[in-house]
């Protein structure tokens, strides 16, 4: 596993753990959705279009 994918896994696990802690503390279910690069770029484009209008 290369360095970037290793860091990505660490960040994903940290985000999921944070969502789990929030769920336990608040009683409200929190979900961590991990986006792929293509989903991230697509949502960035959508945000840009919303701001432009």
PDB file of N, CA and C in Angstrom:
ATOM      1  N   UNK A   1       0.854  -1.175   0.000  1.00  0.00           N
ATOM      2  CA  UNK A   1       0.000   0.000   0.000  1.00  0.00           C
ATOM      3  C   UNK A   1       0.898   1.236   0.000  1.00  0.00           C
ATOM      4  N   UNK A   2       0.619   2.175  -0.879  1.00  0.00           N
ATOM      5  CA  UNK A   2       1.470   3.359  -0.926  1.00  0.00           C
ATOM      6  C   UNK A   2       1.075   4.362   0.159  1.00  0.00           C
ATOM      7  N   UNK A   3       1.845   5.403   0.308  1.00  0.00           N
ATOM      8  CA  UNK A   3       1.661   6.365   1.388  1.00  0.00           C
ATOM      9  C   UNK A   3       0.310   7.068   1.314  1.00  0.00           C
ATOM     10  N   UNK A   4      -0.106   7.503   0.120  1.00  0.00           N
ATOM     11  CA  UNK A   4      -1.365   8.242   0.009  1.00  0.00           C
ATOM     12  C   UNK A   4      -2.565   7.379   0.363  1.00  0.00           C
ATOM     13  N   UNK A   5      -2.607   6.147  -0.113  1.00  0.00           N
ATOM     14  CA  UNK A   5      -3.749   5.291   0.197  1.00  0.00           C
ATOM     15  C   UNK A   5      -3.758   4.922   1.676  1.00  0.00           C
ATOM     16  N   UNK A   6      -2.597   4.807   2.279  1.00  0.00           N
ATOM     17  CA  UNK A   6      -2.512   4.532   3.709  1.00  0.00           C
ATOM     18  C   UNK A   6      -3.078   5.699   4.508  1.00  0.00           C
ATOM     19  N   UNK A   7      -2.742   6.921   4.125  1.00  0.00           N
ATOM     20  CA  UNK A   7      -3.276   8.103   4.799  1.00  0.00           C
ATOM     21  C   UNK A   7      -4.780   8.197   4.599  1.00  0.00           C
ATOM     22  N   UNK A   8      -5.262   7.856   3.413  1.00  0.00           N
ATOM     23  CA  UNK A   8      -6.693   7.893   3.122  1.00  0.00           C
ATOM     24  C   UNK A   8      -7.441   6.936   4.034  1.00  0.00           C
ATOM     25  N   UNK A   9      -6.903   5.732   4.219  1.00  0.00           N
ATOM     26  CA  UNK A   9      -7.535   4.746   5.094  1.00  0.00           C
ATOM     27  C   UNK A   9      -7.568   5.269   6.519  1.00  0.00           C
ATOM     28  N   UNK A  10      -6.474   5.853   6.989  1.00  0.00           N
ATOM     29  CA  UNK A  10      -6.429   6.395   8.344  1.00  0.00           C
ATOM     30  C   UNK A  10      -7.480   7.482   8.533  1.00  0.00           C
ATOM     31  N   UNK A  11      -7.626   8.371   7.580  1.00  0.00           N
ATOM     32  CA  UNK A  11      -8.601   9.456   7.677  1.00  0.00           C
ATOM     33  C   UNK A  11     -10.018   8.901   7.643  1.00  0.00           C
ATOM     34  N   UNK A  12     -10.265   7.902   6.796  1.00  0.00           N
ATOM     35  CA  UNK A  12     -11.583   7.286   6.722  1.00  0.00           C
ATOM     36  C   UNK A  12     -11.957   6.624   8.047  1.00  0.00           C
ATOM     37  N   UNK A  13     -11.012   5.916   8.646  1.00  0.00           N
ATOM     38  CA  UNK A  13     -11.273   5.261   9.928  1.00  0.00           C
ATOM     39  C   UNK A  13     -11.514   6.286  11.029  1.00  0.00           C
ATOM     40  N   UNK A  14     -10.768   7.365  11.019  1.00  0.00           N
ATOM     41  CA  UNK A  14     -10.944   8.423  12.004  1.00  0.00           C
ATOM     42  C   UNK A  14     -12.326   9.062  11.872  1.00  0.00           C
ATOM     43  N   UNK A  15     -12.751   9.322  10.646  1.00  0.00           N
ATOM     44  CA  UNK A  15     -14.070   9.916  10.416  1.00  0.00           C
ATOM     45  C   UNK A  15     -15.178   8.986  10.890  1.00  0.00           C
ATOM     46  N   UNK A  16     -15.042   7.692  10.625  1.00  0.00           N
ATOM     47  CA  UNK A  16     -16.051   6.729  11.066  1.00  0.00           C
ATOM     48  C   UNK A  16     -16.088   6.639  12.590  1.00  0.00           C
ATOM     49  N   UNK A  17     -14.928   6.652  13.217  1.00  0.00           N
ATOM     50  CA  UNK A  17     -14.871   6.604  14.677  1.00  0.00           C
ATOM     51  C   UNK A  17     -15.517   7.846  15.283  1.00  0.00           C
ATOM     52  N   UNK A  18     -15.293   9.003  14.684  1.00  0.00           N
ATOM     53  CA  UNK A  18     -15.892  10.242  15.168  1.00  0.00           C
ATOM     54  C   UNK A  18     -17.413  10.180  15.062  1.00  0.00           C
ATOM     55  N   UNK A  19     -17.921   9.657  13.950  1.00  0.00           N
ATOM     56  CA  UNK A  19     -19.369   9.512  13.779  1.00  0.00           C
ATOM     57  C   UNK A  19     -19.935   8.563  14.837  1.00  0.00           C
ATOM     58  N   UNK A  20     -19.219   7.496  15.139  1.00  0.00           N
ATOM     59  CA  UNK A  20     -19.668   6.549  16.163  1.00  0.00           C
ATOM     60  C   UNK A  20     -19.730   7.208  17.543  1.00  0.00           C
ATOM     61  N   UNK A  21     -18.729   8.010  17.870  1.00  0.00           N
ATOM     62  CA  UNK A  21     -18.710   8.707  19.157  1.00  0.00           C
ATOM     63  C   UNK A  21     -19.871   9.693  19.240  1.00  0.00           C
ATOM     64  N   UNK A  22     -20.112  10.445  18.185  1.00  0.00           N
ATOM     65  CA  UNK A  22     -21.237  11.379  18.186  1.00  0.00           C
ATOM     66  C   UNK A  22     -22.560  10.651  18.375  1.00  0.00           C
ATOM     67  N   UNK A  23     -22.706   9.500  17.754  1.00  0.00           N
ATOM     68  CA  UNK A  23     -23.927   8.711  17.898  1.00  0.00           C
ATOM     69  C   UNK A  23     -24.113   8.279  19.349  1.00  0.00           C
ATOM     70  N   UNK A  24     -23.048   7.795  19.970  1.00  0.00           N
ATOM     71  CA  UNK A  24     -23.145   7.357  21.372  1.00  0.00           C
ATOM     72  C   UNK A  24     -23.438   8.524  22.304  1.00  0.00           C
ATOM     73  N   UNK A  25     -22.798   9.656  22.082  1.00  0.00           N
ATOM     74  CA  UNK A  25     -22.947  10.802  22.984  1.00  0.00           C
ATOM     75  C   UNK A  25     -24.308  11.485  22.856  1.00  0.00           C
ATOM     76  N   UNK A  26     -24.808  11.610  21.641  1.00  0.00           N
ATOM     77  CA  UNK A  26     -26.033  12.382  21.419  1.00  0.00           C
ATOM     78  C   UNK A  26     -27.281  11.519  21.319  1.00  0.00           C
ATOM     79  N   UNK A  27     -27.122  10.242  21.016  1.00  0.00           N
ATOM     80  CA  UNK A  27     -28.275   9.382  20.805  1.00  0.00           C
ATOM     81  C   UNK A  27     -28.881   9.549  19.424  1.00  0.00           C
ATOM     82  N   UNK A  28     -28.304  10.426  18.621  1.00  0.00           N
ATOM     83  CA  UNK A  28     -28.762  10.650  17.249  1.00  0.00           C
ATOM     84  C   UNK A  28     -27.768   9.959  16.328  1.00  0.00           C
ATOM     85  N   UNK A  29     -28.285   9.180  15.389  1.00  0.00           N
ATOM     86  CA  UNK A  29     -27.381   8.425  14.519  1.00  0.00           C
ATOM     87  C   UNK A  29     -26.632   9.361  13.575  1.00  0.00           C
ATOM     88  N   UNK A  30     -25.323   9.298  13.613  1.00  0.00           N
ATOM     89  CA  UNK A  30     -24.458  10.032  12.698  1.00  0.00           C
ATOM     90  C   UNK A  30     -23.810   9.034  11.753  1.00  0.00           C
ATOM     91  N   UNK A  31     -23.728   9.405  10.493  1.00  0.00           N
ATOM     92  CA  UNK A  31     -23.167   8.515   9.481  1.00  0.00           C
ATOM     93  C   UNK A  31     -22.043   9.244   8.768  1.00  0.00           C
ATOM     94  N   UNK A  32     -20.980   8.524   8.522  1.00  0.00           N
ATOM     95  CA  UNK A  32     -19.850   9.073   7.779  1.00  0.00           C
ATOM     96  C   UNK A  32     -19.896   8.490   6.378  1.00  0.00           C
ATOM     97  N   UNK A  33     -20.165   9.319   5.379  1.00  0.00           N
ATOM     98  CA  UNK A  33     -20.162   8.842   3.999  1.00  0.00           C
ATOM     99  C   UNK A  33     -18.835   9.238   3.375  1.00  0.00           C
ATOM    100  N   UNK A  34     -18.126   8.247   2.906  1.00  0.00           N
ATOM    101  CA  UNK A  34     -16.819   8.472   2.309  1.00  0.00           C
ATOM    102  C   UNK A  34     -16.992   8.550   0.805  1.00  0.00           C
ATOM    103  N   UNK A  35     -16.627   9.690   0.239  1.00  0.00           N
ATOM    104  CA  UNK A  35     -16.790   9.906  -1.197  1.00  0.00           C
ATOM    105  C   UNK A  35     -15.546   9.463  -1.952  1.00  0.00           C
ATOM    106  N   UNK A  36     -15.781   8.948  -3.133  1.00  0.00           N
ATOM    107  CA  UNK A  36     -14.653   8.638  -4.009  1.00  0.00           C
ATOM    108  C   UNK A  36     -14.189   9.934  -4.662  1.00  0.00           C
ATOM    109  N   UNK A  37     -13.063   9.895  -5.342  1.00  0.00           N
ATOM    110  CA  UNK A  37     -12.558  11.103  -5.995  1.00  0.00           C
ATOM    111  C   UNK A  37     -13.548  11.628  -7.028  1.00  0.00           C
ATOM    112  N   UNK A  38     -14.184  10.739  -7.784  1.00  0.00           N
ATOM    113  CA  UNK A  38     -15.126  11.185  -8.813  1.00  0.00           C
ATOM    114  C   UNK A  38     -16.347  11.838  -8.176  1.00  0.00           C
ATOM    115  N   UNK A  39     -16.824  11.308  -7.045  1.00  0.00           N
ATOM    116  CA  UNK A  39     -17.959  11.917  -6.349  1.00  0.00           C
ATOM    117  C   UNK A  39     -17.578  13.288  -5.799  1.00  0.00           C
ATOM    118  N   UNK A  40     -16.364  13.404  -5.274  1.00  0.00           N
ATOM    119  CA  UNK A  40     -15.910  14.675  -4.725  1.00  0.00           C
ATOM    120  C   UNK A  40     -15.835  15.743  -5.805  1.00  0.00           C
ATOM    121  N   UNK A  41     -15.270  15.396  -6.949  1.00  0.00           N
ATOM    122  CA  UNK A  41     -15.159  16.361  -8.036  1.00  0.00           C
ATOM    123  C   UNK A  41     -16.538  16.753  -8.553  1.00  0.00           C
ATOM    124  N   UNK A  42     -17.462  15.789  -8.628  1.00  0.00           N
ATOM    125  CA  UNK A  42     -18.813  16.070  -9.093  1.00  0.00           C
ATOM    126  C   UNK A  42     -19.512  17.036  -8.137  1.00  0.00           C
ATOM    127  N   UNK A  43     -19.381  16.818  -6.823  1.00  0.00           N
ATOM    128  CA  UNK A  43     -20.037  17.692  -5.860  1.00  0.00           C
ATOM    129  C   UNK A  43     -19.386  19.075  -5.848  1.00  0.00           C
ATOM    130  N   UNK A  44     -18.079  19.151  -6.067  1.00  0.00           N
ATOM    131  CA  UNK A  44     -17.421  20.454  -6.156  1.00  0.00           C
ATOM    132  C   UNK A  44     -17.973  21.234  -7.341  1.00  0.00           C
ATOM    133  N   UNK A  45     -18.191  20.564  -8.444  1.00  0.00           N
ATOM    134  CA  UNK A  45     -18.759  21.213  -9.619  1.00  0.00           C
ATOM    135  C   UNK A  45     -20.168  21.694  -9.350  1.00  0.00           C
ATOM    136  N   UNK A  46     -20.957  20.902  -8.639  1.00  0.00           N
ATOM    137  CA  UNK A  46     -22.318  21.302  -8.303  1.00  0.00           C
ATOM    138  C   UNK A  46     -22.322  22.494  -7.363  1.00  0.00           C
ATOM    139  N   UNK A  47     -21.423  22.524  -6.400  1.00  0.00           N
ATOM    140  CA  UNK A  47     -21.339  23.656  -5.487  1.00  0.00           C
ATOM    141  C   UNK A  47     -20.968  24.924  -6.239  1.00  0.00           C
ATOM    142  N   UNK A  48     -20.060  24.803  -7.182  1.00  0.00           N
ATOM    143  CA  UNK A  48     -19.645  25.960  -7.959  1.00  0.00           C
ATOM    144  C   UNK A  48     -20.822  26.503  -8.763  1.00  0.00           C
ATOM    145  N   UNK A  49     -21.605  25.615  -9.370  1.00  0.00           N
ATOM    146  CA  UNK A  49     -22.747  26.050 -10.166  1.00  0.00           C
ATOM    147  C   UNK A  49     -23.789  26.727  -9.287  1.00  0.00           C
ATOM    148  N   UNK A  50     -24.004  26.226  -8.078  1.00  0.00           N
ATOM    149  CA  UNK A  50     -24.977  26.830  -7.175  1.00  0.00           C
ATOM    150  C   UNK A  50     -24.532  28.237  -6.785  1.00  0.00           C
ATOM    151  N   UNK A  51     -23.247  28.396  -6.514  1.00  0.00           N
ATOM    152  CA  UNK A  51     -22.735  29.702  -6.124  1.00  0.00           C
ATOM    153  C   UNK A  51     -22.795  30.685  -7.290  1.00  0.00           C
ATOM    154  N   UNK A  52     -22.615  30.184  -8.500  1.00  0.00           N
ATOM    155  CA  UNK A  52     -22.600  31.061  -9.662  1.00  0.00           C
ATOM    156  C   UNK A  52     -23.990  31.612  -9.960  1.00  0.00           C
ATOM    157  N   UNK A  53     -25.038  30.844  -9.632  1.00  0.00           N
ATOM    158  CA  UNK A  53     -26.407  31.300  -9.902  1.00  0.00           C
ATOM    159  C   UNK A  53     -26.796  32.259  -8.883  1.00  0.00           C
TER     160      UNK A  53
END
